[in-house]
Amino acid sequence: MSSLFNLIRETSSSFFDLKLSLPRKRVGLSELNRQLVHLLGVLSVPACYLLGPSIVAGGALAVALFMTLLTTVENAPRVVEDLLRDLGGEEGLRDRPYCSAVIFFAVVGGGFFLLPPSLASVVVIVLTVGDSFSTLIGLGWGKSKLPGVEGKTWAGSFGGFFASLLAISLFSLFVSVPLLPGFLAAFAGITAEALTGRGDDNLPIAVASLLAAGPFWLF
């Protein structure tokens, strides 16, 4: 499994080194690793229907707890530090150790534990696909900055929105999900992503997507 992950990561790294050499800002390897792990979180959606939402929820919550415990270990081995850095981003080296990664897994686990599987899947798709593509496209090709928001671009926001919408549309081919709530979830989630700082957007994205799409499951 580790060799497969390394192959995927090296292939993705080579692809983005090639594709992002022209834009004025390159995506660093550390950020690319983090976004790859973040994007792979979308695999929890098919896993929910293959294994059951309780198993996926329990696994994600266990990872969140495990990461929280790891951050309390003094003089952790280098492999542990590298793992947490890939999952949590560079902010883990500063004030809030790997907080964004813990929140990410807690949100995924809580979503599949508390919500109907189809609604939780829509929220997770926006959180994983939308957020990752927004970051990668914004860093690679973004030039026009969003007004009043540091580090966010129009290209990243549009890219994240359309990537979310495409992923939800593909999901709706297998599970009955109306496209209107999917559209609203993608729009609300990416808007929340655009208005919050990098590393702090996992919870706002999930909450915004849930509030936008949730009423369609209630009525």
C-alpha atoms as a PDB file:
ATOM      1  CA  MET A   1       0.000   0.000   0.000  1.00  0.00           C
ATOM      2  CA  SER A   2       2.822   2.421   0.860  1.00  0.00           C
ATOM      3  CA  SER A   3       4.550   1.700  -2.459  1.00  0.00           C
ATOM      4  CA  LEU A   4       1.291   2.358  -4.318  1.00  0.00           C
ATOM      5  CA  PHE A   5       0.810   5.650  -2.478  1.00  0.00           C
ATOM      6  CA  ASN A   6       4.402   6.674  -3.250  1.00  0.00           C
ATOM      7  CA  LEU A   7       3.863   5.843  -6.933  1.00  0.00           C
ATOM      8  CA  ILE A   8       0.694   7.952  -7.043  1.00  0.00           C
ATOM      9  CA  ARG A   9       2.418  10.809  -5.249  1.00  0.00           C
ATOM     10  CA  GLU A  10       5.492  10.717  -7.491  1.00  0.00           C
ATOM     11  CA  THR A  11       3.344  10.566 -10.632  1.00  0.00           C
ATOM     12  CA  SER A  12       1.223  13.489  -9.438  1.00  0.00           C
ATOM     13  CA  SER A  13       4.342  15.440  -8.479  1.00  0.00           C
ATOM     14  CA  SER A  14       5.872  14.925 -11.927  1.00  0.00           C
ATOM     15  CA  PHE A  15       2.617  15.931 -13.606  1.00  0.00           C
ATOM     16  CA  PHE A  16       2.267  19.161 -11.669  1.00  0.00           C
ATOM     17  CA  ASP A  17       5.970  20.014 -12.001  1.00  0.00           C
ATOM     18  CA  LEU A  18       5.416  19.789 -15.755  1.00  0.00           C
ATOM     19  CA  LYS A  19       2.085  21.557 -15.906  1.00  0.00           C
ATOM     20  CA  LEU A  20       2.796  24.240 -13.339  1.00  0.00           C
ATOM     21  CA  SER A  21       6.201  25.268 -14.664  1.00  0.00           C
ATOM     22  CA  LEU A  22       4.597  27.917 -16.886  1.00  0.00           C
ATOM     23  CA  PRO A  23       2.461  29.776 -14.303  1.00  0.00           C
ATOM     24  CA  ARG A  24       4.147  32.346 -12.185  1.00  0.00           C
ATOM     25  CA  LYS A  25       3.757  30.363  -8.979  1.00  0.00           C
ATOM     26  CA  ARG A  26       4.638  26.681  -8.599  1.00  0.00           C
ATOM     27  CA  VAL A  27       2.907  24.268  -6.264  1.00  0.00           C
ATOM     28  CA  GLY A  28       5.434  23.036  -3.728  1.00  0.00           C
ATOM     29  CA  LEU A  29       5.879  19.311  -3.134  1.00  0.00           C
ATOM     30  CA  SER A  30       4.712  19.564   0.481  1.00  0.00           C
ATOM     31  CA  GLU A  31       1.496  21.335  -0.525  1.00  0.00           C
ATOM     32  CA  LEU A  32       0.958  18.890  -3.380  1.00  0.00           C
ATOM     33  CA  ASN A  33       1.332  15.956  -0.980  1.00  0.00           C
ATOM     34  CA  ARG A  34      -1.174  17.495   1.412  1.00  0.00           C
ATOM     35  CA  GLN A  35      -3.707  18.174  -1.316  1.00  0.00           C
ATOM     36  CA  LEU A  36      -3.316  14.647  -2.695  1.00  0.00           C
ATOM     37  CA  VAL A  37      -4.096  13.190   0.729  1.00  0.00           C
ATOM     38  CA  HIS A  38      -6.953  15.667   1.089  1.00  0.00           C
ATOM     39  CA  LEU A  39      -8.361  14.692  -2.305  1.00  0.00           C
ATOM     40  CA  LEU A  40      -8.128  10.984  -1.512  1.00  0.00           C
ATOM     41  CA  GLY A  41     -10.666  11.649   1.228  1.00  0.00           C
ATOM     42  CA  VAL A  42     -13.320  11.442  -1.497  1.00  0.00           C
ATOM     43  CA  LEU A  43     -12.774   7.669  -1.438  1.00  0.00           C
ATOM     44  CA  SER A  44     -14.819   7.680   1.762  1.00  0.00           C
ATOM     45  CA  VAL A  45     -17.907   8.212  -0.431  1.00  0.00           C
ATOM     46  CA  PRO A  46     -17.796   4.864  -2.289  1.00  0.00           C
ATOM     47  CA  ALA A  47     -16.504   3.245   0.904  1.00  0.00           C
ATOM     48  CA  CYS A  48     -19.668   4.411   2.656  1.00  0.00           C
ATOM     49  CA  TYR A  49     -21.826   2.424   0.221  1.00  0.00           C
ATOM     50  CA  LEU A  50     -19.513  -0.596   0.112  1.00  0.00           C
ATOM     51  CA  LEU A  51     -18.712  -0.939   3.808  1.00  0.00           C
ATOM     52  CA  GLY A  52     -21.455   1.075   5.487  1.00  0.00           C
ATOM     53  CA  PRO A  53     -21.510   4.618   6.886  1.00  0.00           C
ATOM     54  CA  SER A  54     -20.825   3.493  10.465  1.00  0.00           C
ATOM     55  CA  ILE A  55     -17.531   1.842   9.478  1.00  0.00           C
ATOM     56  CA  VAL A  56     -16.378   4.866   7.477  1.00  0.00           C
ATOM     57  CA  ALA A  57     -17.431   7.234  10.261  1.00  0.00           C
ATOM     58  CA  GLY A  58     -15.645   5.166  12.892  1.00  0.00           C
ATOM     59  CA  GLY A  59     -12.489   4.961  10.790  1.00  0.00           C
ATOM     60  CA  ALA A  60     -12.347   8.713  10.132  1.00  0.00           C
ATOM     61  CA  LEU A  61     -13.004   9.571  13.782  1.00  0.00           C
ATOM     62  CA  ALA A  62     -10.343   7.072  14.845  1.00  0.00           C
ATOM     63  CA  VAL A  63      -7.820   8.756  12.525  1.00  0.00           C
ATOM     64  CA  ALA A  64      -8.719  12.161  13.994  1.00  0.00           C
ATOM     65  CA  LEU A  65      -8.202  10.822  17.520  1.00  0.00           C
ATOM     66  CA  PHE A  66      -4.966   9.066  16.543  1.00  0.00           C
ATOM     67  CA  MET A  67      -3.563  12.246  15.000  1.00  0.00           C
ATOM     68  CA  THR A  68      -4.532  14.220  18.081  1.00  0.00           C
ATOM     69  CA  LEU A  69      -2.655  11.758  20.267  1.00  0.00           C
ATOM     70  CA  LEU A  70       0.387  11.818  17.974  1.00  0.00           C
ATOM     71  CA  THR A  71       0.683  15.578  18.312  1.00  0.00           C
ATOM     72  CA  THR A  72       1.150  15.163  22.062  1.00  0.00           C
ATOM     73  CA  VAL A  73       4.187  12.896  21.632  1.00  0.00           C
ATOM     74  CA  GLU A  74       7.464  14.655  22.328  1.00  0.00           C
ATOM     75  CA  ASN A  75      10.362  13.945  19.973  1.00  0.00           C
ATOM     76  CA  ALA A  76       8.177  12.012  17.577  1.00  0.00           C
ATOM     77  CA  PRO A  77       9.983   9.952  14.905  1.00  0.00           C
ATOM     78  CA  ARG A  78      10.686  11.717  11.629  1.00  0.00           C
ATOM     79  CA  VAL A  79       8.223   9.509   9.733  1.00  0.00           C
ATOM     80  CA  VAL A  80       5.448  10.623  12.088  1.00  0.00           C
ATOM     81  CA  GLU A  81       6.334  14.289  11.614  1.00  0.00           C
ATOM     82  CA  ASP A  82       6.345  13.846   7.820  1.00  0.00           C
ATOM     83  CA  LEU A  83       2.957  12.109   7.943  1.00  0.00           C
ATOM     84  CA  LEU A  84       1.378  14.828  10.039  1.00  0.00           C
ATOM     85  CA  ARG A  85       2.901  17.530   7.859  1.00  0.00           C
ATOM     86  CA  ASP A  86       1.428  15.932   4.725  1.00  0.00           C
ATOM     87  CA  LEU A  87      -1.971  15.643   6.377  1.00  0.00           C
ATOM     88  CA  GLY A  88      -2.070  18.907   8.246  1.00  0.00           C
ATOM     89  CA  GLY A  89       0.003  21.358   6.256  1.00  0.00           C
ATOM     90  CA  GLU A  90       2.749  23.704   7.280  1.00  0.00           C
ATOM     91  CA  GLU A  91       0.570  25.377   9.910  1.00  0.00           C
ATOM     92  CA  GLY A  92       1.222  22.229  11.953  1.00  0.00           C
ATOM     93  CA  LEU A  93       4.748  23.486  12.489  1.00  0.00           C
ATOM     94  CA  ARG A  94       3.566  26.655  14.163  1.00  0.00           C
ATOM     95  CA  ASP A  95       0.789  27.504  16.594  1.00  0.00           C
ATOM     96  CA  ARG A  96      -1.931  24.881  16.167  1.00  0.00           C
ATOM     97  CA  PRO A  97      -0.459  21.423  15.623  1.00  0.00           C
ATOM     98  CA  TYR A  98      -2.168  19.811  12.633  1.00  0.00           C
ATOM     99  CA  CYS A  99      -5.509  21.279  13.637  1.00  0.00           C
ATOM    100  CA  SER A 100      -6.851  21.410  10.076  1.00  0.00           C
ATOM    101  CA  ALA A 101      -6.180  17.708   9.462  1.00  0.00           C
ATOM    102  CA  VAL A 102      -7.852  16.687  12.726  1.00  0.00           C
ATOM    103  CA  ILE A 103     -10.880  18.816  11.832  1.00  0.00           C
ATOM    104  CA  PHE A 104     -10.946  17.319   8.335  1.00  0.00           C
ATOM    105  CA  PHE A 105     -11.189  13.718   9.563  1.00  0.00           C
ATOM    106  CA  ALA A 106     -13.569  14.704  12.362  1.00  0.00           C
ATOM    107  CA  VAL A 107     -15.877  16.395   9.850  1.00  0.00           C
ATOM    108  CA  VAL A 108     -15.829  13.382   7.510  1.00  0.00           C
ATOM    109  CA  GLY A 109     -16.483  10.981  10.374  1.00  0.00           C
ATOM    110  CA  GLY A 110     -19.150  13.136  11.969  1.00  0.00           C
ATOM    111  CA  GLY A 111     -20.881  13.651   8.633  1.00  0.00           C
ATOM    112  CA  PHE A 112     -21.257   9.956   7.889  1.00  0.00           C
ATOM    113  CA  PHE A 113     -22.248   9.270  11.499  1.00  0.00           C
ATOM    114  CA  LEU A 114     -24.931  11.952  11.827  1.00  0.00           C
ATOM    115  CA  LEU A 115     -26.260  12.609   8.314  1.00  0.00           C
ATOM    116  CA  PRO A 116     -28.017  10.557   5.636  1.00  0.00           C
ATOM    117  CA  PRO A 117     -25.314   8.904   3.502  1.00  0.00           C
ATOM    118  CA  SER A 118     -26.219  10.808   0.325  1.00  0.00           C
ATOM    119  CA  LEU A 119     -26.148  14.196   2.079  1.00  0.00           C
ATOM    120  CA  ALA A 120     -22.897  13.370   3.869  1.00  0.00           C
ATOM    121  CA  SER A 121     -21.422  12.304   0.525  1.00  0.00           C
ATOM    122  CA  VAL A 122     -22.290  15.630  -1.101  1.00  0.00           C
ATOM    123  CA  VAL A 123     -20.673  17.532   1.775  1.00  0.00           C
ATOM    124  CA  VAL A 124     -17.546  15.353   1.648  1.00  0.00           C
ATOM    125  CA  ILE A 125     -17.250  15.763  -2.132  1.00  0.00           C
ATOM    126  CA  VAL A 126     -17.245  19.547  -1.807  1.00  0.00           C
ATOM    127  CA  LEU A 127     -14.810  19.360   1.122  1.00  0.00           C
ATOM    128  CA  THR A 128     -12.349  17.095  -0.677  1.00  0.00           C
ATOM    129  CA  VAL A 129     -12.643  17.689  -4.419  1.00  0.00           C
ATOM    130  CA  GLY A 130     -13.659  21.342  -4.276  1.00  0.00           C
ATOM    131  CA  ASP A 131     -11.143  22.418  -1.678  1.00  0.00           C
ATOM    132  CA  SER A 132      -8.209  20.547  -3.263  1.00  0.00           C
ATOM    133  CA  PHE A 133      -8.862  21.756  -6.800  1.00  0.00           C
ATOM    134  CA  SER A 134      -9.447  25.286  -5.559  1.00  0.00           C
ATOM    135  CA  THR A 135      -6.050  25.298  -3.851  1.00  0.00           C
ATOM    136  CA  LEU A 136      -4.104  23.645  -6.675  1.00  0.00           C
ATOM    137  CA  ILE A 137      -5.656  25.714  -9.467  1.00  0.00           C
ATOM    138  CA  GLY A 138      -5.342  28.896  -7.440  1.00  0.00           C
ATOM    139  CA  LEU A 139      -1.672  28.313  -6.650  1.00  0.00           C
ATOM    140  CA  GLY A 140      -0.839  27.126 -10.145  1.00  0.00           C
ATOM    141  CA  TRP A 141      -2.774  29.474 -12.375  1.00  0.00           C
ATOM    142  CA  GLY A 142      -4.433  32.089 -10.182  1.00  0.00           C
ATOM    143  CA  LYS A 143      -3.477  35.666 -10.971  1.00  0.00           C
ATOM    144  CA  SER A 144      -6.519  37.816 -10.160  1.00  0.00           C
ATOM    145  CA  LYS A 145      -6.908  37.997  -6.393  1.00  0.00           C
ATOM    146  CA  LEU A 146     -10.273  37.949  -4.697  1.00  0.00           C
ATOM    147  CA  PRO A 147     -10.887  41.388  -3.146  1.00  0.00           C
ATOM    148  CA  GLY A 148     -10.276  41.530   0.554  1.00  0.00           C
ATOM    149  CA  VAL A 149      -9.159  37.880   0.858  1.00  0.00           C
ATOM    150  CA  GLU A 150      -5.470  37.088   1.189  1.00  0.00           C
ATOM    151  CA  GLY A 151      -4.155  34.189  -0.870  1.00  0.00           C
ATOM    152  CA  LYS A 152      -7.396  33.405  -2.746  1.00  0.00           C
ATOM    153  CA  THR A 153      -7.959  33.865  -6.486  1.00  0.00           C
ATOM    154  CA  TRP A 154     -10.870  33.859  -8.915  1.00  0.00           C
ATOM    155  CA  ALA A 155      -9.318  30.984 -10.854  1.00  0.00           C
ATOM    156  CA  GLY A 156      -9.080  28.829  -7.739  1.00  0.00           C
ATOM    157  CA  SER A 157     -12.665  29.515  -6.704  1.00  0.00           C
ATOM    158  CA  PHE A 158     -14.120  28.837 -10.144  1.00  0.00           C
ATOM    159  CA  GLY A 159     -11.975  25.722 -10.507  1.00  0.00           C
ATOM    160  CA  GLY A 160     -13.059  24.384  -7.133  1.00  0.00           C
ATOM    161  CA  PHE A 161     -16.714  25.082  -7.859  1.00  0.00           C
ATOM    162  CA  PHE A 162     -16.784  23.348 -11.236  1.00  0.00           C
ATOM    163  CA  ALA A 163     -14.728  20.415  -9.943  1.00  0.00           C
ATOM    164  CA  SER A 164     -17.224  19.981  -7.089  1.00  0.00           C
ATOM    165  CA  LEU A 165     -20.177  20.230  -9.438  1.00  0.00           C
ATOM    166  CA  LEU A 166     -18.681  17.681 -11.823  1.00  0.00           C
ATOM    167  CA  ALA A 167     -17.930  15.238  -9.004  1.00  0.00           C
ATOM    168  CA  ILE A 168     -21.464  15.612  -7.582  1.00  0.00           C
ATOM    169  CA  SER A 169     -22.932  15.086 -11.067  1.00  0.00           C
ATOM    170  CA  LEU A 170     -20.936  11.855 -11.432  1.00  0.00           C
ATOM    171  CA  PHE A 171     -22.065  10.778  -7.970  1.00  0.00           C
ATOM    172  CA  SER A 172     -25.704  11.429  -8.902  1.00  0.00           C
ATOM    173  CA  LEU A 173     -25.404   8.852 -11.707  1.00  0.00           C
ATOM    174  CA  PHE A 174     -25.133   6.138  -9.042  1.00  0.00           C
ATOM    175  CA  VAL A 175     -27.093   7.607  -6.137  1.00  0.00           C
ATOM    176  CA  SER A 176     -30.281   9.646  -6.461  1.00  0.00           C
ATOM    177  CA  VAL A 177     -29.189  13.201  -5.661  1.00  0.00           C
ATOM    178  CA  PRO A 178     -30.979  16.176  -7.256  1.00  0.00           C
ATOM    179  CA  LEU A 179     -28.572  18.515  -8.998  1.00  0.00           C
ATOM    180  CA  LEU A 180     -30.060  21.680  -7.448  1.00  0.00           C
ATOM    181  CA  PRO A 181     -28.914  20.888  -3.885  1.00  0.00           C
ATOM    182  CA  GLY A 182     -25.616  19.689  -5.342  1.00  0.00           C
ATOM    183  CA  PHE A 183     -25.203  23.026  -7.120  1.00  0.00           C
ATOM    184  CA  LEU A 184     -26.076  24.959  -3.959  1.00  0.00           C
ATOM    185  CA  ALA A 185     -23.724  22.848  -1.828  1.00  0.00           C
ATOM    186  CA  ALA A 186     -20.848  23.417  -4.259  1.00  0.00           C
ATOM    187  CA  PHE A 187     -21.525  27.157  -4.483  1.00  0.00           C
ATOM    188  CA  ALA A 188     -21.866  27.626  -0.714  1.00  0.00           C
ATOM    189  CA  GLY A 189     -18.871  25.455   0.113  1.00  0.00           C
ATOM    190  CA  ILE A 190     -16.507  27.147  -2.320  1.00  0.00           C
ATOM    191  CA  THR A 191     -17.758  30.574  -1.230  1.00  0.00           C
ATOM    192  CA  ALA A 192     -16.881  29.638   2.349  1.00  0.00           C
ATOM    193  CA  GLU A 193     -13.484  28.385   1.146  1.00  0.00           C
ATOM    194  CA  ALA A 194     -12.841  31.682  -0.610  1.00  0.00           C
ATOM    195  CA  LEU A 195     -13.690  33.744   2.461  1.00  0.00           C
ATOM    196  CA  THR A 196     -11.572  31.855   4.995  1.00  0.00           C
ATOM    197  CA  GLY A 197      -7.851  31.506   5.408  1.00  0.00           C
ATOM    198  CA  ARG A 198      -5.895  28.549   4.104  1.00  0.00           C
ATOM    199  CA  GLY A 199      -5.744  25.750   6.645  1.00  0.00           C
ATOM    200  CA  ASP A 200      -8.826  27.079   8.441  1.00  0.00           C
ATOM    201  CA  ASP A 201     -11.491  26.259   5.876  1.00  0.00           C
ATOM    202  CA  ASN A 202     -12.435  22.616   6.449  1.00  0.00           C
ATOM    203  CA  LEU A 203     -15.196  23.291   8.959  1.00  0.00           C
ATOM    204  CA  PRO A 204     -16.630  26.383   7.176  1.00  0.00           C
ATOM    205  CA  ILE A 205     -16.792  24.473   3.870  1.00  0.00           C
ATOM    206  CA  ALA A 206     -18.628  21.555   5.460  1.00  0.00           C
ATOM    207  CA  VAL A 207     -21.057  23.736   7.409  1.00  0.00           C
ATOM    208  CA  ALA A 208     -21.849  25.958   4.418  1.00  0.00           C
ATOM    209  CA  SER A 209     -22.432  22.961   2.141  1.00  0.00           C
ATOM    210  CA  LEU A 210     -24.645  21.307   4.749  1.00  0.00           C
ATOM    211  CA  LEU A 211     -26.751  24.419   5.312  1.00  0.00           C
ATOM    212  CA  ALA A 212     -27.211  24.896   1.562  1.00  0.00           C
ATOM    213  CA  ALA A 213     -28.133  21.307   0.698  1.00  0.00           C
ATOM    214  CA  GLY A 214     -29.529  20.003   3.979  1.00  0.00           C
ATOM    215  CA  PRO A 215     -33.080  21.396   3.667  1.00  0.00           C
ATOM    216  CA  PHE A 216     -33.652  19.273   0.553  1.00  0.00           C
ATOM    217  CA  TRP A 217     -33.209  16.163   2.692  1.00  0.00           C
ATOM    218  CA  LEU A 218     -35.530  17.465   5.411  1.00  0.00           C
ATOM    219  CA  PHE A 219     -38.500  18.461   3.277  1.00  0.00           C
END
